[in-house]
C-alpha cells in the first residue's frame, strides 16, 4: 500500500511509542513529517516510512473511493 492521497485531508491517529499519547493529524502531515516532539512526554519521535505505511493501512477504511466525490 502507498500513502493514499484520499487520506491526505483525513485526520489520522498515531500513538507515541514511548508514552502512548495520541496525536491526530491530517494524512498530508504524515506524508511529509519525519519526526515530531510528543506533547505527552516531550521526546523527539521519529516516524519512518514503514510507520507511515502502517498508519495509512490502519485508516484505509476512511479513504474516499475514486470517483465518489
N, C-alpha and C. Protein backbone atom coordinates (compact mmCIF):
# COMPACT_ATOMS: atom_id res chain seq x y z
N UNK A 1 0.85 -1.19 0.00
CA UNK A 1 0.00 0.00 0.00
C UNK A 1 0.88 1.24 0.00
N UNK A 2 0.43 2.24 -0.72
CA UNK A 2 1.14 3.52 -0.72
C UNK A 2 0.43 4.49 0.22
N UNK A 3 0.95 5.69 0.29
CA UNK A 3 0.32 6.73 1.09
C UNK A 3 -0.79 7.35 0.25
N UNK A 4 -1.98 6.84 0.40
CA UNK A 4 -3.11 7.19 -0.44
C UNK A 4 -3.49 8.67 -0.34
N UNK A 5 -3.50 9.37 -1.47
CA UNK A 5 -3.92 10.78 -1.47
C UNK A 5 -5.34 10.98 -0.93
N UNK A 6 -6.16 9.96 -0.99
CA UNK A 6 -7.54 10.09 -0.49
C UNK A 6 -7.59 10.23 1.03
N UNK A 7 -6.45 10.00 1.70
CA UNK A 7 -6.39 10.18 3.15
C UNK A 7 -5.64 11.45 3.56
N UNK A 8 -5.18 12.23 2.59
CA UNK A 8 -4.40 13.43 2.91
C UNK A 8 -5.18 14.46 3.71
N UNK A 9 -6.49 14.54 3.53
CA UNK A 9 -7.29 15.53 4.26
C UNK A 9 -8.08 14.90 5.41
N UNK A 10 -7.75 13.66 5.75
CA UNK A 10 -8.44 12.93 6.82
C UNK A 10 -7.56 12.92 8.07
N UNK A 11 -8.16 13.10 9.23
CA UNK A 11 -7.43 13.02 10.49
C UNK A 11 -7.03 11.59 10.80
N UNK A 12 -5.74 11.35 10.92
CA UNK A 12 -5.21 10.02 11.22
C UNK A 12 -4.57 10.05 12.61
N UNK A 13 -4.67 8.96 13.33
CA UNK A 13 -4.15 8.89 14.69
C UNK A 13 -2.85 8.09 14.74
N UNK A 14 -1.92 8.55 15.59
CA UNK A 14 -0.66 7.85 15.81
C UNK A 14 -0.34 7.95 17.29
N UNK A 15 0.02 6.82 17.90
CA UNK A 15 0.37 6.82 19.32
C UNK A 15 1.88 6.87 19.48
N UNK A 16 2.33 7.73 20.38
CA UNK A 16 3.74 7.83 20.71
C UNK A 16 4.21 6.45 21.20
N UNK A 17 5.30 5.93 20.65
CA UNK A 17 5.79 4.63 21.09
C UNK A 17 6.39 4.65 22.50
N UNK A 18 6.63 5.83 23.04
CA UNK A 18 7.22 5.96 24.37
C UNK A 18 6.16 6.09 25.47
N UNK A 19 5.11 6.90 25.23
CA UNK A 19 4.14 7.17 26.29
C UNK A 19 2.69 6.89 25.89
N UNK A 20 2.47 6.49 24.64
CA UNK A 20 1.13 6.19 24.10
C UNK A 20 0.22 7.41 23.94
N UNK A 21 0.77 8.62 24.03
CA UNK A 21 -0.02 9.83 23.77
C UNK A 21 -0.43 9.81 22.29
N UNK A 22 -1.69 10.07 22.02
CA UNK A 22 -2.19 10.03 20.64
C UNK A 22 -2.17 11.41 20.01
N UNK A 23 -1.58 11.49 18.83
CA UNK A 23 -1.60 12.70 18.03
C UNK A 23 -2.50 12.42 16.83
N UNK A 24 -3.34 13.39 16.48
CA UNK A 24 -4.21 13.26 15.31
C UNK A 24 -3.87 14.40 14.36
N UNK A 25 -3.44 14.01 13.19
CA UNK A 25 -3.05 14.98 12.15
C UNK A 25 -3.59 14.49 10.81
N UNK A 26 -3.75 15.41 9.87
CA UNK A 26 -4.16 15.03 8.52
C UNK A 26 -3.11 14.13 7.89
N UNK A 27 -3.57 13.28 6.98
CA UNK A 27 -2.65 12.39 6.28
C UNK A 27 -1.53 13.13 5.57
N UNK A 28 -1.81 14.33 5.08
CA UNK A 28 -0.78 15.12 4.40
C UNK A 28 0.37 15.46 5.34
N UNK A 29 0.09 15.64 6.63
CA UNK A 29 1.13 15.90 7.63
C UNK A 29 2.02 14.68 7.76
N UNK A 30 1.40 13.50 7.87
CA UNK A 30 2.18 12.27 7.99
C UNK A 30 3.01 12.02 6.74
N UNK A 31 2.51 12.44 5.59
CA UNK A 31 3.24 12.24 4.34
C UNK A 31 4.60 12.93 4.38
N UNK A 32 4.67 14.13 4.97
CA UNK A 32 5.90 14.93 4.89
C UNK A 32 6.75 14.92 6.16
N UNK A 33 6.17 14.56 7.31
CA UNK A 33 6.91 14.65 8.56
C UNK A 33 7.89 13.47 8.71
N UNK A 34 9.04 13.74 9.29
CA UNK A 34 9.99 12.66 9.59
C UNK A 34 10.18 12.49 11.09
N UNK A 35 9.84 13.54 11.84
CA UNK A 35 9.89 13.48 13.30
C UNK A 35 9.05 14.61 13.88
N UNK A 36 8.68 14.46 15.14
CA UNK A 36 7.91 15.49 15.83
C UNK A 36 8.19 15.37 17.31
N UNK A 37 7.86 16.40 18.06
CA UNK A 37 8.01 16.37 19.51
C UNK A 37 6.66 16.00 20.12
N UNK A 38 6.65 14.92 20.88
CA UNK A 38 5.42 14.42 21.50
C UNK A 38 4.93 15.41 22.57
N UNK A 39 3.65 15.73 22.50
CA UNK A 39 3.04 16.61 23.51
C UNK A 39 2.84 15.90 24.84
N UNK A 40 2.89 14.58 24.83
CA UNK A 40 2.70 13.82 26.06
C UNK A 40 3.96 13.70 26.90
N UNK A 41 5.07 13.31 26.26
CA UNK A 41 6.30 13.07 27.01
C UNK A 41 7.43 14.03 26.66
N UNK A 42 7.24 14.82 25.59
CA UNK A 42 8.25 15.80 25.20
C UNK A 42 9.42 15.24 24.43
N UNK A 43 9.40 13.95 24.14
CA UNK A 43 10.51 13.35 23.40
C UNK A 43 10.36 13.58 21.91
N UNK A 44 11.49 13.57 21.23
CA UNK A 44 11.53 13.66 19.78
C UNK A 44 11.21 12.25 19.24
N UNK A 45 10.16 12.14 18.44
CA UNK A 45 9.71 10.85 17.92
C UNK A 45 9.95 10.82 16.41
N UNK A 46 10.62 9.79 15.96
CA UNK A 46 10.89 9.62 14.54
C UNK A 46 9.76 8.80 13.92
N UNK A 47 9.28 9.22 12.77
CA UNK A 47 8.27 8.48 12.03
C UNK A 47 8.90 8.04 10.71
N UNK A 48 9.12 6.74 10.59
CA UNK A 48 9.76 6.18 9.40
C UNK A 48 8.72 5.91 8.32
N UNK A 49 9.19 5.62 7.12
CA UNK A 49 8.25 5.30 6.04
C UNK A 49 7.42 4.06 6.38
N UNK A 50 8.02 2.99 6.94
CA UNK A 50 7.18 1.85 7.35
C UNK A 50 6.12 2.24 8.39
N UNK A 51 6.45 3.19 9.29
CA UNK A 51 5.45 3.69 10.24
C UNK A 51 4.30 4.36 9.48
N UNK A 52 4.64 5.16 8.48
CA UNK A 52 3.64 5.87 7.70
C UNK A 52 2.73 4.89 6.96
N UNK A 53 3.32 3.86 6.38
CA UNK A 53 2.53 2.84 5.68
C UNK A 53 1.54 2.20 6.66
N UNK A 54 2.01 1.87 7.86
CA UNK A 54 1.14 1.26 8.88
C UNK A 54 0.01 2.20 9.27
N UNK A 55 0.30 3.49 9.43
CA UNK A 55 -0.73 4.47 9.79
C UNK A 55 -1.79 4.54 8.69
N UNK A 56 -1.35 4.62 7.44
CA UNK A 56 -2.29 4.72 6.32
C UNK A 56 -3.09 3.42 6.18
N UNK A 57 -2.47 2.27 6.39
CA UNK A 57 -3.20 1.00 6.31
C UNK A 57 -4.26 0.92 7.41
N UNK A 58 -3.91 1.36 8.61
CA UNK A 58 -4.84 1.33 9.74
C UNK A 58 -6.09 2.17 9.45
N UNK A 59 -5.92 3.24 8.69
CA UNK A 59 -7.02 4.17 8.41
C UNK A 59 -7.58 4.01 6.99
N UNK A 60 -7.22 2.95 6.29
CA UNK A 60 -7.64 2.76 4.89
C UNK A 60 -9.16 2.77 4.74
N UNK A 61 -9.88 2.33 5.77
CA UNK A 61 -11.34 2.31 5.70
C UNK A 61 -11.95 3.71 5.63
N UNK A 62 -11.16 4.73 5.92
CA UNK A 62 -11.64 6.12 5.86
C UNK A 62 -11.44 6.76 4.48
N UNK A 63 -10.75 6.04 3.60
CA UNK A 63 -10.42 6.59 2.28
C UNK A 63 -11.68 6.77 1.44
N UNK A 64 -11.70 7.85 0.68
CA UNK A 64 -12.79 8.08 -0.25
C UNK A 64 -12.51 7.28 -1.52
N UNK A 65 -13.44 6.42 -1.93
CA UNK A 65 -13.22 5.64 -3.15
C UNK A 65 -13.06 6.58 -4.36
N UNK A 66 -12.20 6.20 -5.32
CA UNK A 66 -12.01 7.04 -6.51
C UNK A 66 -13.35 7.29 -7.22
N UNK A 67 -13.59 8.52 -7.59
CA UNK A 67 -14.80 8.89 -8.31
C UNK A 67 -16.04 9.05 -7.44
N UNK A 68 -15.86 8.99 -6.11
CA UNK A 68 -17.02 9.06 -5.22
C UNK A 68 -17.37 10.49 -4.81
N UNK A 69 -16.69 11.46 -5.34
CA UNK A 69 -16.95 12.86 -4.96
C UNK A 69 -18.06 13.45 -5.72
